[in-house]
Amino acid sequence: MIDYTCLRKYDEWNEHFSMKAITINENGKEKLIGYDCIYRYNTHEIKLEYRILTQKWTLINDKYNSEEEEKQLNKTIDFTNKFPWVDTGYTLDKRIQFILRSFDDYFSS
């Protein structure tokens, strides 16, 4: 099911984090499989994907300012993916807020 609340909150005009639904056509019906997302901080722009089935985030960025930046962001995503979100009942918005705080902390230091 598409999270329309998040899609409205993080629409294309949100300058910090935006997302759009990834759907496939299955038997003539649109089926949600995930979200394409873009995180922005000053001149940084990081592309991520969130898959519904696995409930995992993936960095799909191909441009980083340094090898260290790529390493740190991947470490953050790995930590996020290991967190037991399902068991704790976190919504997609709470997961996004976690990503925002983690990435903001990294880029602000």
N, C-alpha and C. Protein backbone atom coordinates (compact mmCIF):
# COMPACT_ATOMS: atom_id res chain seq x y z
N MET A 1 0.84 -1.18 0.00
CA MET A 1 0.00 0.00 0.00
C MET A 1 0.89 1.25 0.00
N ILE A 2 0.57 2.19 -0.84
CA ILE A 2 1.36 3.42 -0.96
C ILE A 2 1.12 4.30 0.27
N ASP A 3 2.19 4.82 0.84
CA ASP A 3 2.11 5.72 1.98
C ASP A 3 1.95 7.14 1.45
N TYR A 4 0.70 7.53 1.21
CA TYR A 4 0.42 8.85 0.62
C TYR A 4 0.81 9.99 1.55
N THR A 5 0.76 9.77 2.86
CA THR A 5 1.16 10.81 3.81
C THR A 5 2.63 11.17 3.60
N CYS A 6 3.48 10.15 3.47
CA CYS A 6 4.91 10.39 3.23
C CYS A 6 5.13 11.00 1.85
N LEU A 7 4.40 10.51 0.86
CA LEU A 7 4.58 11.05 -0.49
C LEU A 7 4.22 12.54 -0.54
N ARG A 8 3.19 12.95 0.21
CA ARG A 8 2.83 14.38 0.25
C ARG A 8 3.88 15.17 1.03
N LYS A 9 4.32 14.61 2.16
CA LYS A 9 5.30 15.31 3.01
C LYS A 9 6.65 15.45 2.30
N TYR A 10 7.04 14.40 1.60
CA TYR A 10 8.35 14.39 0.94
C TYR A 10 8.18 14.42 -0.59
N ASP A 11 7.35 15.33 -1.05
CA ASP A 11 7.10 15.41 -2.49
C ASP A 11 8.27 16.07 -3.20
N GLU A 12 8.14 16.28 -4.49
CA GLU A 12 9.24 16.81 -5.30
C GLU A 12 9.69 18.20 -4.90
N TRP A 13 8.86 18.94 -4.14
CA TRP A 13 9.25 20.29 -3.72
C TRP A 13 9.95 20.31 -2.37
N ASN A 14 10.03 19.17 -1.72
CA ASN A 14 10.74 19.11 -0.44
C ASN A 14 12.24 19.16 -0.75
N GLU A 15 12.90 20.20 -0.31
CA GLU A 15 14.30 20.41 -0.66
C GLU A 15 15.27 19.57 0.16
N HIS A 16 14.82 18.97 1.25
CA HIS A 16 15.71 18.18 2.10
C HIS A 16 15.65 16.69 1.74
N PHE A 17 14.45 16.19 1.50
CA PHE A 17 14.27 14.78 1.18
C PHE A 17 13.02 14.64 0.33
N SER A 18 13.15 14.01 -0.80
CA SER A 18 11.98 13.79 -1.66
C SER A 18 11.92 12.33 -2.06
N MET A 19 10.71 11.90 -2.41
CA MET A 19 10.53 10.50 -2.77
C MET A 19 9.41 10.35 -3.78
N LYS A 20 9.49 9.25 -4.51
CA LYS A 20 8.39 8.89 -5.41
C LYS A 20 8.24 7.38 -5.37
N ALA A 21 7.02 6.93 -5.61
CA ALA A 21 6.70 5.51 -5.53
C ALA A 21 7.28 4.77 -6.74
N ILE A 22 7.76 3.56 -6.49
CA ILE A 22 8.20 2.66 -7.55
C ILE A 22 7.12 1.59 -7.66
N THR A 23 6.48 1.52 -8.82
CA THR A 23 5.43 0.53 -9.02
C THR A 23 5.73 -0.32 -10.24
N ILE A 24 5.12 -1.49 -10.26
CA ILE A 24 5.18 -2.35 -11.43
C ILE A 24 3.75 -2.72 -11.81
N ASN A 25 3.57 -3.07 -13.06
CA ASN A 25 2.26 -3.50 -13.52
C ASN A 25 2.20 -5.01 -13.40
N GLU A 26 1.31 -5.48 -12.55
CA GLU A 26 1.18 -6.91 -12.33
C GLU A 26 -0.28 -7.31 -12.57
N ASN A 27 -0.49 -8.06 -13.63
CA ASN A 27 -1.84 -8.49 -13.99
C ASN A 27 -2.80 -7.32 -14.19
N GLY A 28 -2.30 -6.26 -14.81
CA GLY A 28 -3.13 -5.09 -15.09
C GLY A 28 -3.34 -4.15 -13.93
N LYS A 29 -2.69 -4.41 -12.80
CA LYS A 29 -2.81 -3.55 -11.62
C LYS A 29 -1.44 -3.02 -11.22
N GLU A 30 -1.41 -1.78 -10.77
CA GLU A 30 -0.18 -1.20 -10.26
C GLU A 30 0.13 -1.78 -8.89
N LYS A 31 1.35 -2.24 -8.70
CA LYS A 31 1.77 -2.80 -7.42
C LYS A 31 2.98 -2.03 -6.92
N LEU A 32 2.91 -1.53 -5.69
CA LEU A 32 4.01 -0.79 -5.07
C LEU A 32 5.12 -1.75 -4.70
N ILE A 33 6.36 -1.43 -5.12
CA ILE A 33 7.50 -2.27 -4.72
C ILE A 33 8.53 -1.49 -3.91
N GLY A 34 8.42 -0.17 -3.91
CA GLY A 34 9.39 0.62 -3.14
C GLY A 34 9.27 2.10 -3.43
N TYR A 35 10.32 2.82 -3.00
CA TYR A 35 10.37 4.26 -3.19
C TYR A 35 11.77 4.67 -3.63
N ASP A 36 11.83 5.55 -4.63
CA ASP A 36 13.08 6.22 -5.00
C ASP A 36 13.13 7.50 -4.19
N CYS A 37 14.27 7.76 -3.56
CA CYS A 37 14.38 8.92 -2.68
C CYS A 37 15.65 9.72 -3.00
N ILE A 38 15.59 11.00 -2.69
CA ILE A 38 16.76 11.86 -2.83
C ILE A 38 16.91 12.67 -1.54
N TYR A 39 18.07 12.54 -0.91
CA TYR A 39 18.42 13.30 0.29
C TYR A 39 19.31 14.45 -0.17
N ARG A 40 19.04 15.66 0.32
CA ARG A 40 19.84 16.83 -0.04
C ARG A 40 20.31 17.56 1.22
N TYR A 41 21.57 17.94 1.18
CA TYR A 41 22.14 18.75 2.26
C TYR A 41 23.16 19.67 1.62
N ASN A 42 22.88 20.97 1.63
CA ASN A 42 23.73 21.95 0.94
C ASN A 42 23.99 21.49 -0.50
N THR A 43 25.23 21.22 -0.85
CA THR A 43 25.56 20.81 -2.22
C THR A 43 25.54 19.29 -2.40
N HIS A 44 25.26 18.56 -1.35
CA HIS A 44 25.24 17.10 -1.42
C HIS A 44 23.87 16.60 -1.87
N GLU A 45 23.86 15.61 -2.70
CA GLU A 45 22.62 14.97 -3.13
C GLU A 45 22.87 13.46 -3.17
N ILE A 46 22.15 12.74 -2.35
CA ILE A 46 22.34 11.30 -2.21
C ILE A 46 21.05 10.60 -2.66
N LYS A 47 21.19 9.64 -3.55
CA LYS A 47 20.04 8.89 -4.03
C LYS A 47 19.96 7.57 -3.27
N LEU A 48 18.74 7.26 -2.83
CA LEU A 48 18.47 6.04 -2.09
C LEU A 48 17.24 5.34 -2.66
N GLU A 49 17.15 4.09 -2.33
CA GLU A 49 15.96 3.34 -2.71
C GLU A 49 15.52 2.56 -1.49
N TYR A 50 14.21 2.51 -1.27
CA TYR A 50 13.64 1.73 -0.18
C TYR A 50 12.74 0.68 -0.80
N ARG A 51 12.99 -0.59 -0.48
CA ARG A 51 12.20 -1.70 -1.02
C ARG A 51 11.22 -2.18 0.03
N ILE A 52 9.95 -2.27 -0.35
CA ILE A 52 8.88 -2.68 0.55
C ILE A 52 9.07 -4.13 1.02
N LEU A 53 9.33 -5.04 0.09
CA LEU A 53 9.41 -6.46 0.41
C LEU A 53 10.49 -6.75 1.45
N THR A 54 11.68 -6.16 1.27
CA THR A 54 12.78 -6.43 2.19
C THR A 54 12.84 -5.44 3.34
N GLN A 55 12.16 -4.30 3.21
CA GLN A 55 12.21 -3.19 4.16
C GLN A 55 13.65 -2.71 4.37
N LYS A 56 14.39 -2.64 3.27
CA LYS A 56 15.80 -2.24 3.31
C LYS A 56 16.04 -1.01 2.43
N TRP A 57 17.00 -0.21 2.88
CA TRP A 57 17.46 0.96 2.13
C TRP A 57 18.71 0.57 1.36
N THR A 58 18.88 1.17 0.19
CA THR A 58 20.08 0.96 -0.61
C THR A 58 20.53 2.32 -1.15
N LEU A 59 21.82 2.59 -1.03
CA LEU A 59 22.37 3.79 -1.68
C LEU A 59 22.54 3.48 -3.15
N ILE A 60 22.02 4.34 -4.00
CA ILE A 60 22.19 4.13 -5.44
C ILE A 60 22.95 5.30 -6.05
N ASN A 61 23.57 6.07 -5.21
CA ASN A 61 24.37 7.20 -5.65
C ASN A 61 25.62 6.72 -6.37
N ASP A 62 26.02 7.43 -7.38
CA ASP A 62 27.28 7.07 -8.04
C ASP A 62 28.31 8.20 -7.94
N LYS A 63 27.94 9.27 -7.24
CA LYS A 63 28.86 10.40 -7.08
C LYS A 63 28.97 10.76 -5.61
N TYR A 64 30.15 10.58 -5.08
CA TYR A 64 30.43 10.96 -3.70
C TYR A 64 31.59 11.94 -3.73
N ASN A 65 31.70 12.75 -2.68
CA ASN A 65 32.80 13.71 -2.61
C ASN A 65 34.11 13.04 -2.26
N SER A 66 34.02 11.88 -1.64
CA SER A 66 35.24 11.15 -1.27
C SER A 66 34.90 9.70 -1.00
N GLU A 67 35.94 8.90 -0.95
CA GLU A 67 35.78 7.49 -0.60
C GLU A 67 35.28 7.37 0.84
N GLU A 68 35.76 8.25 1.70
CA GLU A 68 35.35 8.26 3.10
C GLU A 68 33.85 8.55 3.23
N GLU A 69 33.36 9.49 2.42
CA GLU A 69 31.93 9.81 2.45
C GLU A 69 31.10 8.59 2.06
N GLU A 70 31.49 7.92 0.99
CA GLU A 70 30.78 6.73 0.54
C GLU A 70 30.79 5.66 1.63
N LYS A 71 31.94 5.46 2.24
CA LYS A 71 32.10 4.45 3.30
C LYS A 71 31.19 4.76 4.49
N GLN A 72 31.18 6.01 4.93
CA GLN A 72 30.39 6.41 6.09
C GLN A 72 28.89 6.30 5.81
N LEU A 73 28.46 6.73 4.64
CA LEU A 73 27.04 6.66 4.30
C LEU A 73 26.58 5.21 4.17
N ASN A 74 27.41 4.37 3.61
CA ASN A 74 27.08 2.95 3.53
C ASN A 74 27.01 2.33 4.92
N LYS A 75 27.89 2.76 5.80
CA LYS A 75 27.87 2.27 7.19
C LYS A 75 26.55 2.68 7.87
N THR A 76 26.11 3.90 7.62
CA THR A 76 24.85 4.38 8.18
C THR A 76 23.68 3.57 7.65
N ILE A 77 23.66 3.32 6.35
CA ILE A 77 22.58 2.53 5.74
C ILE A 77 22.60 1.10 6.27
N ASP A 78 23.78 0.52 6.40
CA ASP A 78 23.89 -0.85 6.94
C ASP A 78 23.33 -0.92 8.36
N PHE A 79 23.68 0.07 9.18
CA PHE A 79 23.16 0.11 10.55
C PHE A 79 21.64 0.25 10.54
N THR A 80 21.13 1.12 9.69
CA THR A 80 19.69 1.34 9.57
C THR A 80 18.98 0.06 9.16
N ASN A 81 19.56 -0.66 8.22
CA ASN A 81 18.95 -1.90 7.74
C ASN A 81 18.96 -3.02 8.77
N LYS A 82 19.88 -2.97 9.72
CA LYS A 82 19.95 -4.01 10.76
C LYS A 82 19.01 -3.75 11.92
N PHE A 83 18.51 -2.52 12.01
CA PHE A 83 17.61 -2.15 13.10
C PHE A 83 16.28 -2.89 12.93
N PRO A 84 15.73 -3.47 14.00
CA PRO A 84 14.49 -4.26 13.89
C PRO A 84 13.24 -3.37 13.78
N TRP A 85 13.10 -2.67 12.66
CA TRP A 85 11.99 -1.74 12.46
C TRP A 85 10.63 -2.41 12.62
N VAL A 86 10.48 -3.57 12.03
CA VAL A 86 9.19 -4.26 12.05
C VAL A 86 8.79 -4.56 13.49
N ASP A 87 9.73 -5.07 14.26
CA ASP A 87 9.46 -5.45 15.64
C ASP A 87 9.08 -4.26 16.51
N THR A 88 9.57 -3.08 16.15
CA THR A 88 9.30 -1.91 16.99
C THR A 88 8.17 -1.05 16.46
N GLY A 89 7.58 -1.43 15.33
CA GLY A 89 6.41 -0.73 14.79
C GLY A 89 6.67 0.65 14.22
N TYR A 90 7.87 0.92 13.76
CA TYR A 90 8.18 2.22 13.19
C TYR A 90 7.51 2.39 11.83
N THR A 91 6.95 3.56 11.60
CA THR A 91 6.34 3.88 10.32
C THR A 91 7.44 4.24 9.31
N LEU A 92 7.07 4.32 8.06
CA LEU A 92 8.03 4.74 7.03
C LEU A 92 8.55 6.14 7.34
N ASP A 93 7.69 7.03 7.80
CA ASP A 93 8.12 8.38 8.14
C ASP A 93 9.17 8.37 9.25
N LYS A 94 8.99 7.53 10.26
CA LYS A 94 9.99 7.43 11.35
C LYS A 94 11.32 6.91 10.81
N ARG A 95 11.26 5.98 9.87
CA ARG A 95 12.48 5.46 9.25
C ARG A 95 13.19 6.55 8.46
N ILE A 96 12.41 7.35 7.75
CA ILE A 96 12.98 8.47 6.99
C ILE A 96 13.61 9.47 7.93
N GLN A 97 12.93 9.79 9.04
CA GLN A 97 13.48 10.73 10.02
C GLN A 97 14.82 10.23 10.58
N PHE A 98 14.93 8.93 10.78
CA PHE A 98 16.18 8.34 11.25
C PHE A 98 17.30 8.56 10.23
N ILE A 99 16.99 8.32 8.94
CA ILE A 99 17.96 8.56 7.87
C ILE A 99 18.36 10.03 7.84
N LEU A 100 17.37 10.92 7.92
CA LEU A 100 17.66 12.36 7.88
C LEU A 100 18.58 12.77 9.03
N ARG A 101 18.28 12.33 10.24
CA ARG A 101 19.13 12.68 11.39
C ARG A 101 20.55 12.14 11.21
N SER A 102 20.64 10.89 10.76
CA SER A 102 21.96 10.28 10.59
C SER A 102 22.78 10.99 9.53
N PHE A 103 22.18 11.25 8.38
CA PHE A 103 22.89 11.93 7.29
C PHE A 103 23.18 13.39 7.66
N ASP A 104 22.22 14.06 8.29
CA ASP A 104 22.44 15.45 8.71
C ASP A 104 23.61 15.54 9.69
N ASP A 105 23.67 14.61 10.63
CA ASP A 105 24.79 14.58 11.59
C ASP A 105 26.12 14.43 10.86
N TYR A 106 26.15 13.55 9.90
CA TYR A 106 27.38 13.32 9.15
C TYR A 106 27.80 14.57 8.38
N PHE A 107 26.88 15.16 7.63
CA PHE A 107 27.24 16.30 6.78
C PHE A 107 27.43 17.60 7.55
N SER A 108 26.87 17.71 8.75
CA SER A 108 27.04 18.94 9.53
C SER A 108 28.35 18.98 10.29
N SER A 109 29.01 17.83 10.42
CA SER A 109 30.27 17.79 11.20
C SER A 109 31.47 18.15 10.35
